[in-house]
Amino acid sequence: MFKNLFLEPIHDLYSGVGFLAIFCASASHVPLSTIRCGSRKTAKILSRSEIMNRFLPLRKKSIKASSPRQTSSQRPQQSGSALIYIFIGVILFAALALVFARGARQGGGSIDAKTAKVGASEIIHATRNIHGAVEKMIQNGISEADIGFTNTVTTLAVNGASYYSGNPNCLDATCQIFDAAGGAISPQMVASAYVIPENDLGASDPMPGDSFPAIARIKDLGSAEIDLLWVTAGLKLEVCKAINDAFKVENPGGFPPVETALDATNLYVGQFSTATILGNSAAEIAGQEDFCYKFASSDPSYYVYVHTLLIR
């Protein structure tokens, strides 16, 4: 009996100290061997029931705080947010697909500088071929007033009708640039990637990418006579700028020069009579054999490449 009375307080003391050590270690996340709870001078021996009542709630609270769990009420909210994000993504994808489809139908939209440079090179090369054929005909004795440019590829209007009917002075195939018996050149439209959408133009306007002969006087180029020109119409802004860059023609403010528009009265029909002078308003193109410019007051902006076939 006396043995039990003596040992029971000691047993309670060691049990309490052991429990406190476990609690402090778990709360501080350190080994039991390095932890001390309380001060030796102020330590108070607590009964086993007091220890349980005081520290067990703290232990449960510590475990709950260190291991948060997602409640069932949060899961539906997160699932709803995910559905909203998916719905927004579907809408944005559909809008992007619509923009690309519209651009593909109309051939619209800007192009990068590398693509524009390729387009400019192709257009310039095709124009040089025509220039060479004209020079060959003149060397063969065909008059400059008799050269014909009749074809049904590069001379159509937006509505499909003929925009340029040809030179009535050319009476046989030998004076036709686009005939095997004459210049033996194949007419080529400019690729749709390099021209503006036809939807933006009037029905009687030249089809974007058309090429045809015209007459006008280029200021400070040759004499005061009217020159024979080759015009490529309806180019994109970037292609027009690339053409000017190729011929060292200034694009003021980053845009092609703006000059008087050419119209049906400027079409070449074997006569050299017009009051149109290019280079009066835009000093950048004066004296130039090759240049690209914007038709004044055109809306949408209408850009044309002009090459001088004959300087008179």
C-alpha atoms as a PDB file:
ATOM      1  CA  MET A   1       0.000   0.000   0.000  1.00  0.00           C
ATOM      2  CA  PHE A   2       2.730   2.472   0.966  1.00  0.00           C
ATOM      3  CA  LYS A   3       4.620   1.456  -2.168  1.00  0.00           C
ATOM      4  CA  ASN A   4       1.665   2.349  -4.366  1.00  0.00           C
ATOM      5  CA  LEU A   5       1.150   5.660  -2.623  1.00  0.00           C
ATOM      6  CA  PHE A   6       4.790   6.551  -3.198  1.00  0.00           C
ATOM      7  CA  LEU A   7       5.094   5.427  -6.784  1.00  0.00           C
ATOM      8  CA  GLU A   8       1.828   6.780  -8.183  1.00  0.00           C
ATOM      9  CA  PRO A   9       2.775  10.524  -7.958  1.00  0.00           C
ATOM     10  CA  ILE A  10       6.126   9.742  -9.515  1.00  0.00           C
ATOM     11  CA  HIS A  11       4.395   7.839 -12.313  1.00  0.00           C
ATOM     12  CA  ASP A  12       2.070  10.784 -12.911  1.00  0.00           C
ATOM     13  CA  LEU A  13       5.003  13.180 -12.983  1.00  0.00           C
ATOM     14  CA  TYR A  14       6.882  11.223 -15.619  1.00  0.00           C
ATOM     15  CA  SER A  15       3.763  10.705 -17.656  1.00  0.00           C
ATOM     16  CA  GLY A  16       3.006  14.426 -17.641  1.00  0.00           C
ATOM     17  CA  VAL A  17       6.540  15.394 -18.541  1.00  0.00           C
ATOM     18  CA  GLY A  18       6.601  12.847 -21.338  1.00  0.00           C
ATOM     19  CA  PHE A  19       3.337  14.082 -22.792  1.00  0.00           C
ATOM     20  CA  LEU A  20       4.489  17.699 -22.609  1.00  0.00           C
ATOM     21  CA  ALA A  21       7.712  16.761 -24.391  1.00  0.00           C
ATOM     22  CA  ILE A  22       5.777  15.072 -27.157  1.00  0.00           C
ATOM     23  CA  PHE A  23       3.489  18.092 -27.500  1.00  0.00           C
ATOM     24  CA  CYS A  24       6.333  20.598 -27.645  1.00  0.00           C
ATOM     25  CA  ALA A  25       8.247  18.474 -30.135  1.00  0.00           C
ATOM     26  CA  SER A  26       5.289  18.070 -32.456  1.00  0.00           C
ATOM     27  CA  ALA A  27       4.372  21.768 -32.288  1.00  0.00           C
ATOM     28  CA  SER A  28       7.958  22.894 -32.884  1.00  0.00           C
ATOM     29  CA  HIS A  29       8.844  20.145 -35.380  1.00  0.00           C
ATOM     30  CA  VAL A  30      12.095  19.301 -33.544  1.00  0.00           C
ATOM     31  CA  PRO A  31      13.410  16.048 -32.057  1.00  0.00           C
ATOM     32  CA  LEU A  32      12.408  15.081 -28.549  1.00  0.00           C
ATOM     33  CA  SER A  33      16.042  15.033 -27.492  1.00  0.00           C
ATOM     34  CA  THR A  34      16.411  18.789 -28.029  1.00  0.00           C
ATOM     35  CA  ILE A  35      13.168  20.107 -26.544  1.00  0.00           C
ATOM     36  CA  ARG A  36      12.444  21.564 -23.098  1.00  0.00           C
ATOM     37  CA  CYS A  37       9.037  22.617 -21.902  1.00  0.00           C
ATOM     38  CA  GLY A  38       8.821  25.166 -19.112  1.00  0.00           C
ATOM     39  CA  SER A  39      11.392  26.062 -16.492  1.00  0.00           C
ATOM     40  CA  ARG A  40      12.741  23.726 -13.863  1.00  0.00           C
ATOM     41  CA  LYS A  41      12.117  26.363 -11.182  1.00  0.00           C
ATOM     42  CA  THR A  42       8.538  27.052 -12.201  1.00  0.00           C
ATOM     43  CA  ALA A  43       7.519  23.558 -13.252  1.00  0.00           C
ATOM     44  CA  LYS A  44       4.279  22.356 -11.720  1.00  0.00           C
ATOM     45  CA  ILE A  45       3.351  18.744 -11.523  1.00  0.00           C
ATOM     46  CA  LEU A  46       0.004  18.172 -13.114  1.00  0.00           C
ATOM     47  CA  SER A  47      -2.223  15.189 -12.866  1.00  0.00           C
ATOM     48  CA  ARG A  48      -2.748  13.009 -15.871  1.00  0.00           C
ATOM     49  CA  SER A  49      -6.319  14.251 -16.327  1.00  0.00           C
ATOM     50  CA  GLU A  50      -5.192  17.903 -16.164  1.00  0.00           C
ATOM     51  CA  ILE A  51      -2.556  17.285 -18.788  1.00  0.00           C
ATOM     52  CA  MET A  52      -5.085  15.698 -21.081  1.00  0.00           C
ATOM     53  CA  ASN A  53      -7.613  18.476 -20.540  1.00  0.00           C
ATOM     54  CA  ARG A  54      -5.091  21.281 -21.130  1.00  0.00           C
ATOM     55  CA  PHE A  55      -2.943  20.056 -23.975  1.00  0.00           C
ATOM     56  CA  LEU A  56      -4.970  17.604 -25.991  1.00  0.00           C
ATOM     57  CA  PRO A  57      -7.215  20.374 -27.495  1.00  0.00           C
ATOM     58  CA  LEU A  58      -4.077  22.331 -28.433  1.00  0.00           C
ATOM     59  CA  ARG A  59      -2.602  19.269 -30.087  1.00  0.00           C
ATOM     60  CA  LYS A  60      -5.769  18.708 -32.139  1.00  0.00           C
ATOM     61  CA  LYS A  61      -5.827  22.377 -33.155  1.00  0.00           C
ATOM     62  CA  SER A  62      -2.187  22.206 -34.259  1.00  0.00           C
ATOM     63  CA  ILE A  63      -2.843  19.145 -36.398  1.00  0.00           C
ATOM     64  CA  LYS A  64      -5.894  20.775 -38.001  1.00  0.00           C
ATOM     65  CA  ALA A  65      -4.009  24.004 -38.820  1.00  0.00           C
ATOM     66  CA  SER A  66      -1.035  22.162 -40.356  1.00  0.00           C
ATOM     67  CA  SER A  67      -3.199  19.924 -42.552  1.00  0.00           C
ATOM     68  CA  PRO A  68      -5.975  21.993 -44.151  1.00  0.00           C
ATOM     69  CA  ARG A  69      -8.448  20.008 -46.163  1.00  0.00           C
ATOM     70  CA  GLN A  70     -10.646  21.180 -48.972  1.00  0.00           C
ATOM     71  CA  THR A  71     -14.248  21.381 -47.877  1.00  0.00           C
ATOM     72  CA  SER A  72     -17.018  19.980 -49.954  1.00  0.00           C
ATOM     73  CA  SER A  73     -18.457  23.471 -50.438  1.00  0.00           C
ATOM     74  CA  GLN A  74     -15.249  24.630 -52.191  1.00  0.00           C
ATOM     75  CA  ARG A  75     -15.226  21.872 -54.785  1.00  0.00           C
ATOM     76  CA  PRO A  76     -18.357  22.946 -56.697  1.00  0.00           C
ATOM     77  CA  GLN A  77     -17.110  26.545 -56.778  1.00  0.00           C
ATOM     78  CA  GLN A  78     -13.772  25.499 -58.329  1.00  0.00           C
ATOM     79  CA  SER A  79     -15.543  23.239 -60.817  1.00  0.00           C
ATOM     80  CA  GLY A  80     -17.787  26.136 -61.851  1.00  0.00           C
ATOM     81  CA  SER A  81     -14.744  28.397 -62.403  1.00  0.00           C
ATOM     82  CA  ALA A  82     -13.129  25.781 -64.641  1.00  0.00           C
ATOM     83  CA  LEU A  83     -16.251  25.578 -66.789  1.00  0.00           C
ATOM     84  CA  ILE A  84     -16.279  29.365 -67.181  1.00  0.00           C
ATOM     85  CA  TYR A  85     -12.643  29.344 -68.372  1.00  0.00           C
ATOM     86  CA  ILE A  86     -13.387  26.582 -70.888  1.00  0.00           C
ATOM     87  CA  PHE A  87     -16.410  28.493 -72.199  1.00  0.00           C
ATOM     88  CA  ILE A  88     -14.368  31.688 -72.652  1.00  0.00           C
ATOM     89  CA  GLY A  89     -11.653  29.727 -74.470  1.00  0.00           C
ATOM     90  CA  VAL A  90     -14.183  28.262 -76.913  1.00  0.00           C
ATOM     91  CA  ILE A  91     -15.568  31.744 -77.678  1.00  0.00           C
ATOM     92  CA  LEU A  92     -12.090  33.209 -78.303  1.00  0.00           C
ATOM     93  CA  PHE A  93     -11.143  30.294 -80.564  1.00  0.00           C
ATOM     94  CA  ALA A  94     -14.324  30.708 -82.613  1.00  0.00           C
ATOM     95  CA  ALA A  95     -13.695  34.457 -83.002  1.00  0.00           C
ATOM     96  CA  LEU A  96     -10.107  33.837 -84.132  1.00  0.00           C
ATOM     97  CA  ALA A  97     -11.249  31.241 -86.673  1.00  0.00           C
ATOM     98  CA  LEU A  98     -13.787  33.716 -88.063  1.00  0.00           C
ATOM     99  CA  VAL A  99     -11.121  36.389 -88.531  1.00  0.00           C
ATOM    100  CA  PHE A 100      -8.815  33.985 -90.382  1.00  0.00           C
ATOM    101  CA  ALA A 101     -11.637  32.737 -92.583  1.00  0.00           C
ATOM    102  CA  ARG A 102     -12.650  36.277 -93.530  1.00  0.00           C
ATOM    103  CA  GLY A 103      -9.060  37.195 -94.324  1.00  0.00           C
ATOM    104  CA  ALA A 104      -8.680  34.099 -96.504  1.00  0.00           C
ATOM    105  CA  ARG A 105     -11.835  34.939 -98.495  1.00  0.00           C
ATOM    106  CA  GLN A 106     -10.895  38.574 -99.080  1.00  0.00           C
ATOM    107  CA  GLY A 107      -7.116  38.266 -99.296  1.00  0.00           C
ATOM    108  CA  GLY A 108      -6.985  41.175 -96.867  1.00  0.00           C
ATOM    109  CA  GLY A 109      -4.680  41.958 -94.007  1.00  0.00           C
ATOM    110  CA  SER A 110      -1.155  43.227 -93.821  1.00  0.00           C
ATOM    111  CA  ILE A 111       1.912  41.136 -94.623  1.00  0.00           C
ATOM    112  CA  ASP A 112       5.374  41.101 -93.121  1.00  0.00           C
ATOM    113  CA  ALA A 113       8.356  42.871 -94.653  1.00  0.00           C
ATOM    114  CA  LYS A 114       9.942  39.650 -95.944  1.00  0.00           C
ATOM    115  CA  THR A 115       6.794  38.606 -97.816  1.00  0.00           C
ATOM    116  CA  ALA A 116       6.359  42.121 -99.203  1.00  0.00           C
ATOM    117  CA  LYS A 117       9.926  42.081-100.501  1.00  0.00           C
ATOM    118  CA  VAL A 118       9.306  38.763-102.279  1.00  0.00           C
ATOM    119  CA  GLY A 119       6.133  40.157-103.854  1.00  0.00           C
ATOM    120  CA  ALA A 120       7.902  43.324-104.973  1.00  0.00           C
ATOM    121  CA  SER A 121      10.663  41.242-106.579  1.00  0.00           C
ATOM    122  CA  GLU A 122       8.140  39.126-108.509  1.00  0.00           C
ATOM    123  CA  ILE A 123       6.270  42.179-109.803  1.00  0.00           C
ATOM    124  CA  ILE A 124       9.458  43.967-110.847  1.00  0.00           C
ATOM    125  CA  HIS A 125      10.737  40.844-112.640  1.00  0.00           C
ATOM    126  CA  ALA A 126       7.494  40.438-114.619  1.00  0.00           C
ATOM    127  CA  THR A 127       7.579  44.115-115.565  1.00  0.00           C
ATOM    128  CA  ARG A 128      11.173  43.827-116.784  1.00  0.00           C
ATOM    129  CA  ASN A 129      10.131  41.034-119.132  1.00  0.00           C
ATOM    130  CA  ILE A 130       7.513  43.300-120.713  1.00  0.00           C
ATOM    131  CA  HIS A 131      10.052  46.112-120.965  1.00  0.00           C
ATOM    132  CA  GLY A 132      12.445  43.804-122.817  1.00  0.00           C
ATOM    133  CA  ALA A 133       9.722  42.742-125.266  1.00  0.00           C
ATOM    134  CA  VAL A 134       8.865  46.382-126.029  1.00  0.00           C
ATOM    135  CA  GLU A 135      12.516  47.208-126.721  1.00  0.00           C
ATOM    136  CA  LYS A 136      12.799  44.182-129.026  1.00  0.00           C
ATOM    137  CA  MET A 137       9.764  45.265-131.058  1.00  0.00           C
ATOM    138  CA  ILE A 138      11.072  48.785-131.509  1.00  0.00           C
ATOM    139  CA  GLN A 139      14.431  47.359-132.620  1.00  0.00           C
ATOM    140  CA  ASN A 140      12.518  45.242-135.157  1.00  0.00           C
ATOM    141  CA  GLY A 141      10.990  48.391-136.668  1.00  0.00           C
ATOM    142  CA  ILE A 142       7.577  48.460-135.008  1.00  0.00           C
ATOM    143  CA  SER A 143       6.457  51.995-134.189  1.00  0.00           C
ATOM    144  CA  GLU A 144       5.893  52.983-130.547  1.00  0.00           C
ATOM    145  CA  ALA A 145       2.373  54.001-131.580  1.00  0.00           C
ATOM    146  CA  ASP A 146       1.604  50.511-132.914  1.00  0.00           C
ATOM    147  CA  ILE A 147       2.598  48.297-130.001  1.00  0.00           C
ATOM    148  CA  GLY A 148      -0.330  46.232-128.720  1.00  0.00           C
ATOM    149  CA  PHE A 149      -0.937  44.949-125.168  1.00  0.00           C
ATOM    150  CA  THR A 150      -4.233  43.136-125.698  1.00  0.00           C
ATOM    151  CA  ASN A 151      -4.908  40.209-123.355  1.00  0.00           C
ATOM    152  CA  THR A 152      -7.762  38.830-121.275  1.00  0.00           C
ATOM    153  CA  VAL A 153      -5.765  38.140-118.099  1.00  0.00           C
ATOM    154  CA  THR A 154      -4.376  41.398-116.716  1.00  0.00           C
ATOM    155  CA  THR A 155      -6.900  43.874-118.157  1.00  0.00           C
ATOM    156  CA  LEU A 156     -10.224  42.957-116.524  1.00  0.00           C
ATOM    157  CA  ALA A 157     -12.409  45.095-114.290  1.00  0.00           C
ATOM    158  CA  VAL A 158     -13.796  43.951-110.933  1.00  0.00           C
ATOM    159  CA  ASN A 159     -17.120  43.079-112.583  1.00  0.00           C
ATOM    160  CA  GLY A 160     -15.380  40.827-115.113  1.00  0.00           C
ATOM    161  CA  ALA A 161     -15.723  43.189-118.047  1.00  0.00           C
ATOM    162  CA  SER A 162     -12.729  44.348-120.067  1.00  0.00           C
ATOM    163  CA  TYR A 163     -10.996  47.345-118.508  1.00  0.00           C
ATOM    164  CA  TYR A 164      -8.530  47.861-121.364  1.00  0.00           C
ATOM    165  CA  SER A 165      -9.482  46.953-124.911  1.00  0.00           C
ATOM    166  CA  GLY A 166      -6.051  47.398-126.521  1.00  0.00           C
ATOM    167  CA  ASN A 167      -4.378  49.546-129.158  1.00  0.00           C
ATOM    168  CA  PRO A 168      -6.406  49.806-132.385  1.00  0.00           C
ATOM    169  CA  ASN A 169      -3.217  50.648-134.299  1.00  0.00           C
ATOM    170  CA  CYS A 170      -1.867  47.113-133.839  1.00  0.00           C
ATOM    171  CA  LEU A 171      -3.443  45.185-136.697  1.00  0.00           C
ATOM    172  CA  ASP A 172      -1.651  41.810-136.555  1.00  0.00           C
ATOM    173  CA  ALA A 173      -0.047  39.439-134.091  1.00  0.00           C
ATOM    174  CA  THR A 174       3.518  40.582-134.757  1.00  0.00           C
ATOM    175  CA  CYS A 175       2.965  43.831-132.841  1.00  0.00           C
ATOM    176  CA  GLN A 176       1.244  42.199-129.859  1.00  0.00           C
ATOM    177  CA  ILE A 177       3.349  41.874-126.724  1.00  0.00           C
ATOM    178  CA  PHE A 178       1.326  38.916-125.431  1.00  0.00           C
ATOM    179  CA  ASP A 179       1.251  36.919-128.665  1.00  0.00           C
ATOM    180  CA  ALA A 180       3.692  34.152-129.563  1.00  0.00           C
ATOM    181  CA  ALA A 181       4.253  35.807-132.954  1.00  0.00           C
ATOM    182  CA  GLY A 182       5.036  39.144-131.305  1.00  0.00           C
ATOM    183  CA  GLY A 183       6.596  39.714-127.888  1.00  0.00           C
ATOM    184  CA  ALA A 184       5.917  36.117-126.785  1.00  0.00           C
ATOM    185  CA  ILE A 185       5.217  37.201-123.209  1.00  0.00           C
ATOM    186  CA  SER A 186       2.681  35.366-121.040  1.00  0.00           C
ATOM    187  CA  PRO A 187       0.360  37.772-119.171  1.00  0.00           C
ATOM    188  CA  GLN A 188       0.472  37.275-115.394  1.00  0.00           C
ATOM    189  CA  MET A 189      -1.775  38.583-112.654  1.00  0.00           C
ATOM    190  CA  VAL A 190      -0.136  39.596-109.409  1.00  0.00           C
ATOM    191  CA  ALA A 191      -0.662  36.978-106.685  1.00  0.00           C
ATOM    192  CA  SER A 192      -3.606  37.678-104.382  1.00  0.00           C
ATOM    193  CA  ALA A 193      -1.312  37.804-101.325  1.00  0.00           C
ATOM    194  CA  TYR A 194       0.168  41.072-102.612  1.00  0.00           C
ATOM    195  CA  VAL A 195      -2.998  42.991-103.537  1.00  0.00           C
ATOM    196  CA  ILE A 196      -5.950  44.555-101.721  1.00  0.00           C
ATOM    197  CA  PRO A 197      -9.392  42.871-101.578  1.00  0.00           C
ATOM    198  CA  GLU A 198     -11.558  43.466-104.619  1.00  0.00           C
ATOM    199  CA  ASN A 199     -14.579  43.859-102.312  1.00  0.00           C
ATOM    200  CA  ASP A 200     -13.333  47.347-101.442  1.00  0.00           C
ATOM    201  CA  LEU A 201     -13.423  48.566-105.063  1.00  0.00           C
ATOM    202  CA  GLY A 202     -16.080  49.664-107.515  1.00  0.00           C
ATOM    203  CA  ALA A 203     -17.377  47.294-110.184  1.00  0.00           C
ATOM    204  CA  SER A 204     -15.712  49.222-113.033  1.00  0.00           C
ATOM    205  CA  ASP A 205     -12.324  49.591-111.300  1.00  0.00           C
ATOM    206  CA  PRO A 206      -9.363  47.489-112.459  1.00  0.00           C
ATOM    207  CA  MET A 207      -9.106  44.131-110.727  1.00  0.00           C
ATOM    208  CA  PRO A 208      -6.435  44.262-107.986  1.00  0.00           C
ATOM    209  CA  GLY A 209      -3.283  42.862-109.557  1.00  0.00           C
ATOM    210  CA  ASP A 210      -4.147  44.087-113.071  1.00  0.00           C
ATOM    211  CA  SER A 211      -1.375  45.418-115.308  1.00  0.00           C
ATOM    212  CA  PHE A 212      -1.906  47.630-118.342  1.00  0.00           C
ATOM    213  CA  PRO A 213      -0.207  50.354-120.447  1.00  0.00           C
ATOM    214  CA  ALA A 214      -0.819  54.023-119.668  1.00  0.00           C
ATOM    215  CA  ILE A 215       0.482  57.435-120.670  1.00  0.00           C
ATOM    216  CA  ALA A 216       1.572  60.368-118.523  1.00  0.00           C
ATOM    217  CA  ARG A 217       4.454  62.747-118.255  1.00  0.00           C
ATOM    218  CA  ILE A 218       7.001  62.043-115.505  1.00  0.00           C
ATOM    219  CA  LYS A 219       8.336  65.353-114.250  1.00  0.00           C
ATOM    220  CA  ASP A 220      12.101  65.846-114.722  1.00  0.00           C
ATOM    221  CA  LEU A 221      12.409  62.594-116.697  1.00  0.00           C
ATOM    222  CA  GLY A 222      13.530  62.991-120.311  1.00  0.00           C
ATOM    223  CA  SER A 223      11.882  65.748-122.323  1.00  0.00           C
ATOM    224  CA  ALA A 224       8.476  67.379-121.984  1.00  0.00           C
ATOM    225  CA  GLU A 225       6.974  64.598-124.126  1.00  0.00           C
ATOM    226  CA  ILE A 226       4.442  62.098-122.797  1.00  0.00           C
ATOM    227  CA  ASP A 227       5.941  58.788-121.655  1.00  0.00           C
ATOM    228  CA  LEU A 228       4.678  55.221-122.151  1.00  0.00           C
ATOM    229  CA  LEU A 229       4.139  53.535-118.792  1.00  0.00           C
ATOM    230  CA  TRP A 230       3.306  50.079-117.448  1.00  0.00           C
ATOM    231  CA  VAL A 231       0.999  50.235-114.432  1.00  0.00           C
ATOM    232  CA  THR A 232       0.363  47.486-111.872  1.00  0.00           C
ATOM    233  CA  ALA A 233      -2.675  48.391-109.781  1.00  0.00           C
ATOM    234  CA  GLY A 234      -4.205  47.621-106.387  1.00  0.00           C
ATOM    235  CA  LEU A 235      -1.086  46.671-104.438  1.00  0.00           C
ATOM    236  CA  LYS A 236      -0.887  46.344-100.695  1.00  0.00           C
ATOM    237  CA  LEU A 237       0.817  49.085 -98.739  1.00  0.00           C
ATOM    238  CA  GLU A 238       3.732  46.875 -97.691  1.00  0.00           C
ATOM    239  CA  VAL A 239       4.433  45.771-101.281  1.00  0.00           C
ATOM    240  CA  CYS A 240       4.300  49.353-102.517  1.00  0.00           C
ATOM    241  CA  LYS A 241       6.829  50.419 -99.896  1.00  0.00           C
ATOM    242  CA  ALA A 242       9.083  47.470-100.780  1.00  0.00           C
ATOM    243  CA  ILE A 243       9.071  48.488-104.462  1.00  0.00           C
ATOM    244  CA  ASN A 244      10.140  52.024-103.548  1.00  0.00           C
ATOM    245  CA  ASP A 245      12.859  50.623-101.289  1.00  0.00           C
ATOM    246  CA  ALA A 246      14.156  48.538-104.213  1.00  0.00           C
ATOM    247  CA  PHE A 247      14.525  51.675-106.376  1.00  0.00           C
ATOM    248  CA  LYS A 248      15.689  53.995-103.566  1.00  0.00           C
ATOM    249  CA  VAL A 249      12.492  56.042-103.757  1.00  0.00           C
ATOM    250  CA  GLU A 250      11.624  57.748-100.490  1.00  0.00           C
ATOM    251  CA  ASN A 251       8.536  56.705 -98.549  1.00  0.00           C
ATOM    252  CA  PRO A 252       7.861  59.966 -96.678  1.00  0.00           C
ATOM    253  CA  GLY A 253       6.804  59.351 -93.103  1.00  0.00           C
ATOM    254  CA  GLY A 254       6.946  55.606 -93.756  1.00  0.00           C
ATOM    255  CA  PHE A 255       4.241  55.743 -96.453  1.00  0.00           C
ATOM    256  CA  PRO A 256       4.403  55.872-100.266  1.00  0.00           C
ATOM    257  CA  PRO A 257       4.143  59.288-101.965  1.00  0.00           C
ATOM    258  CA  VAL A 258       0.691  60.616-102.834  1.00  0.00           C
ATOM    259  CA  GLU A 259       0.091  61.842-106.380  1.00  0.00           C
ATOM    260  CA  THR A 260      -2.597  62.413-109.023  1.00  0.00           C
ATOM    261  CA  ALA A 261      -4.675  59.334-109.824  1.00  0.00           C
ATOM    262  CA  LEU A 262      -4.589  57.770-113.273  1.00  0.00           C
ATOM    263  CA  ASP A 263      -7.949  57.021-114.928  1.00  0.00           C
ATOM    264  CA  ALA A 264      -9.402  55.704-118.181  1.00  0.00           C
ATOM    265  CA  THR A 265      -8.168  58.780-120.075  1.00  0.00           C
ATOM    266  CA  ASN A 266      -4.609  57.684-119.348  1.00  0.00           C
ATOM    267  CA  LEU A 267      -4.953  54.263-120.983  1.00  0.00           C
ATOM    268  CA  TYR A 268      -2.618  53.793-123.930  1.00  0.00           C
ATOM    269  CA  VAL A 269      -4.469  53.480-127.272  1.00  0.00           C
ATOM    270  CA  GLY A 270      -1.651  54.408-129.657  1.00  0.00           C
ATOM    271  CA  GLN A 271      -1.745  58.153-128.923  1.00  0.00           C
ATOM    272  CA  PHE A 272       0.446  60.272-126.633  1.00  0.00           C
ATOM    273  CA  SER A 273      -1.849  63.041-125.518  1.00  0.00           C
ATOM    274  CA  THR A 274      -2.662  63.776-121.863  1.00  0.00           C
ATOM    275  CA  ALA A 275      -2.336  66.579-119.363  1.00  0.00           C
ATOM    276  CA  THR A 276      -1.387  64.262-116.463  1.00  0.00           C
ATOM    277  CA  ILE A 277       1.988  64.981-114.902  1.00  0.00           C
ATOM    278  CA  LEU A 278       3.364  62.710-112.179  1.00  0.00           C
ATOM    279  CA  GLY A 279       5.836  64.296-109.790  1.00  0.00           C
ATOM    280  CA  ASN A 280       4.251  67.736-109.421  1.00  0.00           C
ATOM    281  CA  SER A 281       2.717  67.027-106.023  1.00  0.00           C
ATOM    282  CA  ALA A 282       5.105  64.283-104.927  1.00  0.00           C
ATOM    283  CA  ALA A 283       8.690  65.411-105.403  1.00  0.00           C
ATOM    284  CA  GLU A 284       9.874  61.903-104.396  1.00  0.00           C
ATOM    285  CA  ILE A 285       8.819  60.424-107.756  1.00  0.00           C
ATOM    286  CA  ALA A 286      10.010  63.249-110.012  1.00  0.00           C
ATOM    287  CA  GLY A 287      12.754  62.013-112.360  1.00  0.00           C
ATOM    288  CA  GLN A 288      12.152  58.358-111.409  1.00  0.00           C
ATOM    289  CA  GLU A 289      11.669  55.560-113.963  1.00  0.00           C
ATOM    290  CA  ASP A 290      10.197  53.199-111.331  1.00  0.00           C
ATOM    291  CA  PHE A 291       8.082  54.099-108.318  1.00  0.00           C
ATOM    292  CA  CYS A 292       4.954  53.188-106.394  1.00  0.00           C
ATOM    293  CA  TYR A 293       2.487  55.755-105.129  1.00  0.00           C
ATOM    294  CA  LYS A 294      -0.959  56.228-103.652  1.00  0.00           C
ATOM    295  CA  PHE A 295      -3.801  57.682-105.720  1.00  0.00           C
ATOM    296  CA  ALA A 296      -4.723  61.021-104.165  1.00  0.00           C
ATOM    297  CA  SER A 297      -8.063  60.969-102.291  1.00  0.00           C
ATOM    298  CA  SER A 298      -8.464  57.211-102.767  1.00  0.00           C
ATOM    299  CA  ASP A 299     -10.508  55.443-100.100  1.00  0.00           C
ATOM    300  CA  PRO A 300      -9.543  52.747 -99.375  1.00  0.00           C
ATOM    301  CA  SER A 301      -5.937  53.615-100.168  1.00  0.00           C
ATOM    302  CA  TYR A 302      -5.086  52.577-103.733  1.00  0.00           C
ATOM    303  CA  TYR A 303      -1.429  51.931-104.552  1.00  0.00           C
ATOM    304  CA  VAL A 304       0.036  51.487-108.038  1.00  0.00           C
ATOM    305  CA  TYR A 305       3.478  50.609-109.343  1.00  0.00           C
ATOM    306  CA  VAL A 306       4.560  52.651-112.357  1.00  0.00           C
ATOM    307  CA  HIS A 307       7.389  51.583-114.666  1.00  0.00           C
ATOM    308  CA  THR A 308       8.461  53.708-117.620  1.00  0.00           C
ATOM    309  CA  LEU A 309       8.504  51.593-120.781  1.00  0.00           C
ATOM    310  CA  LEU A 310       9.473  54.465-123.098  1.00  0.00           C
ATOM    311  CA  ILE A 311      11.045  57.759-122.054  1.00  0.00           C
ATOM    312  CA  ARG A 312      10.149  60.237-124.796  1.00  0.00           C
END
